Protein backbone atom coordinates (compact mmCIF):
# COMPACT_ATOMS: atom_id res chain seq x y z
CA MET A 1 -10.88 8.44 0.95
CA LEU A 2 -8.17 10.35 3.00
CA ASP A 3 -8.95 11.20 6.57
CA PRO A 4 -9.02 14.90 6.80
CA ARG A 5 -7.63 14.71 10.29
CA PRO A 6 -3.94 15.06 10.59
CA VAL A 7 -2.03 12.29 12.62
CA THR A 8 0.33 13.35 15.26
CA PRO A 9 1.59 12.09 18.39
CA ARG A 10 -1.02 14.05 20.21
CA SER A 11 -3.78 12.19 18.37
CA PRO A 12 -5.86 9.51 20.16
CA ASP A 13 -5.22 7.21 17.34
CA TRP A 14 -1.45 7.53 17.32
CA VAL A 15 -1.05 4.35 18.69
CA ARG A 16 -3.36 1.72 17.22
CA PRO A 17 -3.81 -2.02 16.77
CA LEU A 18 -1.83 -3.61 13.82
CA GLY A 19 -4.40 -5.70 12.44
CA ALA A 20 -5.81 -8.48 14.40
CA THR A 21 -2.18 -9.56 15.87
CA GLY A 22 -2.75 -8.05 19.31
CA LEU A 23 0.50 -5.82 18.79
CA ASP A 24 0.11 -2.07 18.97
CA VAL A 25 2.01 0.26 16.59
CA SER A 26 2.56 3.90 16.52
CA ALA A 27 1.28 5.36 13.25
CA VAL A 28 4.96 6.16 12.12
CA SER A 29 7.70 3.59 12.34
CA LEU A 30 11.36 4.06 12.24
CA GLY A 31 12.98 2.22 9.03
CA GLY A 32 16.03 0.72 10.26
CA GLY A 33 17.75 0.14 6.84
CA PRO A 34 19.70 3.39 6.47
CA LEU A 35 21.12 3.37 10.07
CA GLY A 36 23.06 0.28 9.07
CA GLY A 37 24.68 2.03 6.28
CA MET A 38 23.91 1.27 2.79
CA PRO A 39 26.41 3.11 0.65
CA ASP A 40 25.56 1.34 -2.66
CA LEU A 41 21.76 2.29 -2.31
CA PHE A 42 21.80 5.83 -0.70
CA GLY A 43 25.33 6.99 -1.98
CA TYR A 44 26.83 7.35 1.59
CA ASP A 45 27.69 5.36 4.57
CA ASN A 46 26.55 5.75 8.22
CA PRO A 47 28.94 5.51 11.37
CA ALA A 48 28.03 2.71 13.78
CA ALA A 49 27.91 5.31 16.69
CA GLU A 50 25.11 7.34 14.67
CA GLY A 51 23.20 4.40 13.98
CA VAL A 52 23.27 3.20 17.49
CA GLU A 53 22.25 6.77 18.68
CA LEU A 54 19.37 6.99 16.26
CA ALA A 55 17.95 3.62 17.51
CA ARG A 56 18.37 4.89 20.91
CA GLN A 57 16.65 8.01 20.28
CA ALA A 58 13.94 6.50 18.46
CA VAL A 59 12.95 4.38 21.52
CA LEU A 60 12.96 7.58 23.74
CA SER A 61 10.59 9.30 21.00
CA PRO A 62 6.98 9.09 20.24
CA LEU A 63 7.74 6.27 17.62
CA ARG A 64 6.91 2.92 19.16
CA VAL A 65 8.30 0.72 16.27
CA ILE A 66 11.50 0.00 14.44
CA ASP A 67 11.60 -2.02 11.27
CA THR A 68 15.01 -4.03 10.26
CA ALA A 69 15.98 -6.91 8.45
CA ASN A 70 18.40 -9.75 8.62
CA GLY A 71 20.05 -8.66 5.35
CA TYR A 72 20.02 -4.87 5.68
CA SER A 73 23.78 -3.85 5.57
CA GLY A 74 25.03 -7.46 6.13
CA GLY A 75 23.42 -7.53 9.72
CA ARG A 76 24.91 -4.08 10.93
CA SER A 77 21.35 -2.62 11.27
CA GLU A 78 20.38 -5.31 13.50
CA GLU A 79 23.42 -5.15 15.57
CA ARG A 80 23.22 -1.44 15.86
CA ILE A 81 19.61 -1.70 17.21
CA GLY A 82 20.60 -4.59 19.59
CA GLN A 83 23.41 -2.39 20.95
CA ALA A 84 20.88 0.43 21.44
CA LEU A 85 18.52 -2.12 23.20
CA ALA A 86 21.17 -3.21 25.38
CA ASP A 87 22.30 0.28 26.47
CA LEU A 88 18.64 1.49 27.41
CA GLY A 89 17.85 -1.74 29.14
CA PRO A 90 14.50 -3.75 29.49
CA GLU A 91 12.76 -1.17 31.74
CA ARG A 92 13.00 1.80 29.13
CA THR A 93 12.43 -0.54 26.09
CA ALA A 94 9.41 -2.13 27.44
CA GLY A 95 6.47 -1.73 25.09
CA PHE A 96 8.84 -0.82 21.87
CA LEU A 97 8.25 -3.08 19.17
CA VAL A 98 11.23 -4.42 16.83
CA VAL A 99 10.16 -5.90 13.75
CA THR A 100 12.90 -7.96 11.44
CA LYS A 101 12.73 -9.98 8.25
CA VAL A 102 14.30 -13.27 7.22
CA ASP A 103 16.32 -13.01 4.27
CA ALA A 104 18.13 -15.41 1.70
CA ALA A 105 21.77 -16.20 1.72
CA ASP A 106 23.74 -16.68 -1.31
CA GLY A 107 20.40 -17.46 -3.21
CA ASP A 108 19.38 -19.94 -0.53
CA TYR A 109 15.64 -19.27 0.83
CA SER A 110 15.09 -22.81 2.12
CA GLY A 111 13.46 -23.67 5.54
CA ARG A 112 16.78 -24.22 6.73
CA ARG A 113 17.96 -20.76 5.88
CA VAL A 114 15.15 -19.17 7.35
CA ARG A 115 15.70 -20.93 10.67
CA ASP A 116 19.39 -19.56 10.43
CA SER A 117 18.20 -16.20 9.60
CA VAL A 118 16.00 -16.02 12.68
CA ARG A 119 18.81 -17.41 14.97
CA GLU A 120 21.25 -14.83 13.48
CA SER A 121 18.70 -11.90 14.25
CA GLN A 122 18.14 -13.24 17.70
CA GLU A 123 21.78 -13.06 18.44
CA ARG A 124 22.18 -9.35 16.71
CA LEU A 125 19.07 -7.82 18.51
CA GLY A 126 19.57 -9.80 21.80
CA MET A 127 16.17 -10.89 21.60
CA GLN A 128 15.08 -14.60 22.13
CA PHE A 129 11.48 -13.70 21.30
CA LEU A 130 10.85 -11.99 18.09
CA PRO A 131 7.27 -10.58 18.14
CA LEU A 132 6.97 -9.89 14.43
CA VAL A 133 9.28 -11.51 11.39
CA HIS A 134 8.19 -10.86 7.73
CA LEU A 135 9.28 -13.07 4.86
CA HIS A 136 11.34 -10.46 2.99
CA ASP A 137 11.24 -9.64 -0.63
CA PRO A 138 9.75 -13.24 -1.96
CA GLU A 139 9.20 -11.53 -5.68
CA PHE A 140 12.84 -11.92 -6.15
CA HIS A 141 12.95 -15.49 -5.42
CA PRO A 142 10.42 -17.02 -7.80
CA ASP A 143 11.82 -20.55 -7.60
CA ALA A 144 12.31 -20.68 -3.92
CA GLY A 145 9.13 -23.07 -3.43
CA PHE A 146 8.02 -20.89 -0.59
CA GLU A 147 4.72 -22.97 -0.13
CA LEU A 148 6.11 -26.24 -0.43
CA PRO A 149 7.04 -28.87 2.42
CA GLY A 150 10.18 -27.90 4.01
CA GLY A 151 10.08 -24.50 2.42
CA ALA A 152 10.43 -21.06 4.05
CA ILE A 153 6.79 -20.64 4.98
CA GLU A 154 6.65 -24.24 6.61
CA ALA A 155 9.59 -23.16 8.87
CA LEU A 156 8.09 -19.50 9.55
CA VAL A 157 4.88 -21.52 10.87
CA ALA A 158 6.90 -23.78 12.93
CA LEU A 159 8.84 -21.13 14.54
CA ARG A 160 5.67 -19.46 15.24
CA ALA A 161 4.17 -22.49 16.86
CA GLU A 162 7.54 -23.03 18.89
CA GLY A 163 7.27 -19.80 20.38
CA VAL A 164 10.40 -18.35 18.83
CA ILE A 165 8.16 -15.78 16.59
CA GLY A 166 4.98 -14.12 17.77
CA HIS A 167 3.36 -13.16 14.55
CA LEU A 168 4.17 -13.59 10.78
CA GLY A 169 4.32 -11.03 7.86
CA VAL A 170 5.26 -10.71 4.24
CA ALA A 171 7.32 -7.66 3.24
CA GLY A 172 7.79 -6.77 -0.34
CA GLY A 173 7.00 -4.72 -3.27
CA HIS A 174 5.35 -6.62 -6.17
CA THR A 175 1.78 -6.69 -5.23
CA PRO A 176 0.73 -9.94 -7.12
CA THR A 177 3.46 -11.80 -5.18
CA LEU A 178 2.08 -10.43 -2.06
CA HIS A 179 -1.36 -11.36 -2.89
CA ARG A 180 0.06 -14.92 -3.75
CA MET A 181 1.66 -15.33 -0.38
CA LEU A 182 -1.54 -13.92 1.43
CA ASP A 183 -3.43 -17.02 -0.34
CA THR A 184 -1.28 -19.43 1.67
CA GLY A 185 -3.15 -18.21 4.96
CA ALA A 186 0.18 -17.96 6.96
CA PHE A 187 0.65 -14.43 7.06
CA GLU A 188 -1.10 -12.13 9.60
CA VAL A 189 0.67 -8.74 8.56
CA VAL A 190 1.72 -7.30 4.76
CA LEU A 191 4.36 -4.44 4.37
CA THR A 192 4.10 -2.96 0.74
CA HIS A 193 6.68 -0.34 -0.43
CA SER A 194 6.41 2.33 -3.15
CA ARG A 195 2.81 1.27 -4.22
CA LEU A 196 0.93 3.81 -2.20
CA THR A 197 2.19 7.07 -2.67
CA LEU A 198 1.60 10.42 -4.47
CA LEU A 199 3.07 8.61 -7.54
CA ASP A 200 1.65 5.26 -7.40
CA ARG A 201 -1.36 3.45 -6.25
CA GLY A 202 -0.67 0.01 -7.09
CA ALA A 203 -1.16 -1.43 -3.56
CA ASP A 204 -4.83 -0.27 -3.44
CA ASP A 205 -6.45 -3.47 -4.01
CA LEU A 206 -4.02 -5.27 -1.57
CA LEU A 207 -4.67 -2.65 1.10
CA ASP A 208 -8.65 -3.33 0.42
CA ARG A 209 -8.11 -7.03 0.99
CA CYS A 210 -6.09 -6.76 4.17
CA ARG A 211 -8.72 -4.60 5.49
CA ASP A 212 -11.38 -7.08 4.61
CA GLU A 213 -9.28 -9.93 5.98
CA GLY A 214 -8.37 -8.21 9.25
CA LEU A 215 -4.58 -8.38 8.32
CA GLY A 216 -2.14 -5.77 9.79
CA THR A 217 -0.94 -3.25 7.01
CA VAL A 218 2.49 -1.35 6.86
CA ASN A 219 3.34 1.12 4.31
CA ALA A 220 6.93 1.95 3.24
CA ALA A 221 8.94 4.07 0.97
CA VAL A 222 6.49 6.78 0.66
CA LEU A 223 8.91 9.25 -0.75
CA GLY A 224 9.66 7.06 -3.52
CA GLY A 225 13.31 6.55 -2.59
CA GLY A 226 13.86 10.23 -2.77
CA LEU A 227 11.95 11.34 -5.74
CA LEU A 228 9.29 13.13 -3.43
CA ALA A 229 11.97 14.43 -1.03
CA LYS A 230 14.04 16.96 -2.93
CA ARG A 231 14.08 17.92 -6.61
CA SER A 232 17.99 16.82 -6.79
CA SER A 233 17.24 13.16 -6.05
CA LYS A 234 18.39 10.52 -8.27
CA PRO A 235 15.73 9.86 -11.23
CA LEU A 236 14.65 6.59 -9.48
CA TYR A 237 11.26 5.37 -8.39
CA GLY A 238 10.85 2.22 -6.35
CA PHE A 239 14.82 1.51 -6.60
CA ARG A 240 14.46 1.55 -10.40
CA PRO A 241 14.83 3.98 -13.13
CA ALA A 242 11.65 6.03 -12.98
CA ARG A 243 9.63 6.39 -16.28
CA PRO A 244 9.26 10.01 -17.71
CA GLU A 245 5.54 10.33 -16.88
CA VAL A 246 6.53 9.84 -12.98
CA LEU A 247 9.50 12.06 -13.30
CA ALA A 248 7.06 14.79 -14.76
CA ALA A 249 4.58 14.05 -11.98
CA ALA A 250 7.11 14.45 -9.38
CA ALA A 251 8.29 17.77 -10.78
CA ALA A 252 4.73 18.75 -10.83
CA LEU A 253 4.17 18.02 -7.43
CA HIS A 254 7.20 19.85 -6.35
CA ASP A 255 5.98 22.86 -8.03
CA LEU A 256 2.41 22.43 -6.31
CA ALA A 257 4.17 22.14 -3.00
CA ASP A 258 6.40 25.27 -3.48
CA GLU A 259 3.31 27.26 -4.70
CA LEU A 260 1.39 26.34 -1.39
CA GLY A 261 4.37 26.70 0.81
CA VAL A 262 4.19 23.07 1.86
CA PRO A 263 7.45 20.73 2.10
CA LEU A 264 6.45 17.97 -0.46
CA ALA A 265 8.16 15.35 1.81
CA ASP A 266 5.96 16.33 4.63
CA ALA A 267 2.82 15.88 2.46
CA ALA A 268 4.17 12.68 1.08
CA LEU A 269 4.21 11.27 4.55
CA GLN A 270 0.82 12.63 5.44
CA HIS A 271 -0.78 11.25 2.46
CA SER A 272 0.13 7.74 3.96
CA LEU A 273 -0.87 8.57 7.48
CA ARG A 274 -4.23 9.81 6.39
CA ASP A 275 -5.09 6.67 4.68
CA PRO A 276 -7.44 4.80 7.26
CA ARG A 277 -6.24 1.47 5.54
CA VAL A 278 -2.70 1.91 6.77
CA ASP A 279 -1.67 0.85 10.32
CA THR A 280 1.78 2.24 10.29
CA THR A 281 4.02 4.02 7.83
CA VAL A 282 7.70 3.29 7.87
CA VAL A 283 10.17 6.13 7.21
CA GLY A 284 14.04 5.24 6.99
CA LEU A 285 16.46 7.65 8.47
CA SER A 286 20.11 7.60 8.79
CA SER A 287 21.00 10.16 11.40
CA PRO A 288 19.46 10.98 14.82
CA ARG A 289 19.65 14.51 13.89
CA ARG A 290 16.88 13.96 11.41
CA LEU A 291 14.40 12.30 14.00
CA PRO A 292 13.02 15.71 15.46
CA GLY A 293 12.50 16.85 11.92
CA LEU A 294 10.38 13.85 11.15
CA VAL A 295 8.21 14.16 14.12
CA ALA A 296 7.87 17.93 13.44
CA ALA A 297 6.86 16.99 9.81
CA LEU A 298 3.64 15.26 11.32
CA ASP A 299 2.38 19.04 12.43
CA THR A 300 2.76 20.71 8.88
CA ASP A 301 -0.33 22.37 7.84
CA VAL A 302 -1.48 20.78 4.41
CA PRO A 303 -4.13 22.69 2.76
CA HIS A 304 -6.98 20.84 1.37
CA GLU A 305 -6.01 22.38 -1.81
CA PHE A 306 -2.83 20.50 -2.17
CA TRP A 307 -4.89 16.92 -1.89
CA GLU A 308 -7.45 17.91 -4.59
CA ARG A 309 -4.83 19.11 -7.04
CA ALA A 310 -1.98 16.25 -6.42
CA ALA A 311 -4.86 13.65 -6.94
CA ARG A 312 -5.18 14.99 -10.49
CA LEU A 313 -1.19 14.89 -10.81
CA LEU A 314 -1.17 11.10 -10.31
CA PRO A 315 0.49 9.48 -13.21
CA PRO A 316 -1.71 6.99 -15.35
CA ARG A 317 -2.14 3.31 -14.00
CA GLU A 318 0.04 1.85 -17.03
CA VAL A 319 3.15 3.60 -15.82
CA TRP A 320 2.79 2.34 -12.06
CA LEU A 321 5.37 -0.24 -10.96
CA ASP A 322 3.31 -3.28 -11.32
CA SER A 323 1.40 -2.52 -14.59
């Protein structure tokens, strides 16, 4: 059930707990992938100065979290965030949460690689202590032996015990894999993407489990990689070719939004914000010029009629990403 109240920086719950971690997050987090430049994925590059300025402006905005990863843009995302943090200094960045992820290198996702990944992130970000680190995209490494002795999870748990990492999360798309990672008992936070949107509800069971177990929850890619942002977006959903039923539903949602005078991208963001099971929603930006628009989107008036009719346009379960 969606919360009927809009969530804005003026809301009393704009800053809220991230599960039981003791960390606080804003309802919206900045996704740091685009600010490092991802031309293969997004079709354009991003100048270094723009990326640094975006991270700098995010720290000064109502957003209190930035999400990045060791592997984003070959480390450029972390480097640009680190430069922004250094430019602002510790007094102005106090209370701002930087979240990163460990990534494989050349197919290696061993415990040793995890330690190397953490060290690289520390150096790029200029942070000796990393408050929250995710195991990134485990579904793409089915033979990595994450749970085995000497594996990635053991290394992450050890780094937490050593005080290098504060809290552990797992970030990915494939919900059965995320459930399997949670079964290890090692993780305190889950980041899911593309599975809790106006086009796909595949993460519902995962989010219910997280609430029951007191885990922090992060929702990402609520625009489906762009399909819910504008009609001219590539016919992709969840970083793969979209099925015809999904494309048809997206077109119908655009029609509905136009009829009611609502920007569909704003409604797609609010759809995640109004889900009480979601602690923070990650939105990726590439330019500091887009940050004011993101904040303004939180005040868009989305009529109740939109939510009622949009729910009826949800594609059938059999075409969701994990079906």
